[in-house]
């Protein structure tokens, strides 16, 4: 178990009030995960993706 907490951030491309997600990249080096959550519901659930899965996701989004 880790005592590290996710440090959430939104993309600089996100507009206020938009459909945004937040990610926490600080857990990659220790846990190899990238947590993702809905920025409008910060107390809600988060999805923990492996660093590899998150990279594949980003590359597929950038390719569009």
Protein backbone atom coordinates (compact mmCIF):
# COMPACT_ATOMS: atom_id res chain seq x y z
CA UNK A 1 0.00 0.00 0.00
CA UNK A 2 1.22 3.48 -0.77
CA UNK A 3 0.72 6.72 1.08
CA UNK A 4 1.05 8.73 -2.11
CA UNK A 5 -2.04 10.67 -3.09
CA UNK A 6 -2.86 11.51 -6.70
CA UNK A 7 -1.97 15.05 -7.75
CA UNK A 8 -4.81 15.84 -10.15
CA UNK A 9 -4.56 18.22 -13.09
CA UNK A 10 -6.64 19.22 -16.10
CA UNK A 11 -5.33 19.85 -19.57
CA UNK A 12 -4.56 23.45 -20.41
CA UNK A 13 -6.87 22.90 -23.41
CA UNK A 14 -9.86 22.40 -21.09
CA UNK A 15 -12.35 25.24 -20.91
CA UNK A 16 -14.13 26.08 -17.66
CA UNK A 17 -17.39 24.18 -17.34
CA UNK A 18 -16.56 21.83 -20.20
CA UNK A 19 -16.58 18.07 -20.48
CA UNK A 20 -13.19 17.52 -18.83
CA UNK A 21 -11.24 14.74 -17.25
CA UNK A 22 -8.37 15.04 -14.79
CA UNK A 23 -5.34 12.80 -14.60
CA UNK A 24 -2.69 12.22 -11.95
CA UNK A 25 0.70 11.44 -13.43
CA UNK A 26 2.60 11.32 -10.16
CA UNK A 27 1.84 7.63 -9.50
CA UNK A 28 3.48 6.27 -12.65
CA UNK A 29 6.96 5.88 -11.18
CA UNK A 30 5.83 4.11 -7.99
CA UNK A 31 2.66 2.22 -8.99
CA UNK A 32 2.74 2.23 -12.82
CA UNK A 33 -0.80 3.64 -12.91
CA UNK A 34 -2.43 6.82 -14.21
CA UNK A 35 -5.65 7.61 -12.35
CA UNK A 36 -8.35 9.36 -14.42
CA UNK A 37 -11.52 11.03 -13.09
CA UNK A 38 -14.38 13.32 -14.11
CA UNK A 39 -13.38 16.90 -13.25
CA UNK A 40 -16.99 17.80 -12.49
CA UNK A 41 -17.23 15.09 -9.79
CA UNK A 42 -13.85 15.16 -8.01
CA UNK A 43 -15.17 13.17 -5.04
CA UNK A 44 -16.50 10.48 -7.38
CA UNK A 45 -14.78 7.34 -8.58
CA UNK A 46 -11.59 7.26 -10.59
CA UNK A 47 -10.30 4.82 -13.17
CA UNK A 48 -6.75 3.52 -12.70
CA UNK A 49 -5.10 2.79 -16.05
CA UNK A 50 -1.73 1.19 -16.47
CA UNK A 51 0.87 3.60 -17.80
CA UNK A 52 1.01 1.57 -21.02
CA UNK A 53 -2.77 1.65 -21.50
CA UNK A 54 -2.84 5.41 -20.88
CA UNK A 55 -0.07 5.96 -23.44
CA UNK A 56 -1.95 3.90 -26.05
CA UNK A 57 -5.11 5.88 -25.29
CA UNK A 58 -3.33 9.23 -25.74
CA UNK A 59 -1.70 8.14 -28.98
CA UNK A 60 -5.04 7.00 -30.41
CA UNK A 61 -6.69 10.31 -29.47
CA UNK A 62 -3.85 12.33 -31.00
CA UNK A 63 -4.14 10.34 -34.23
CA UNK A 64 -7.72 11.55 -34.77
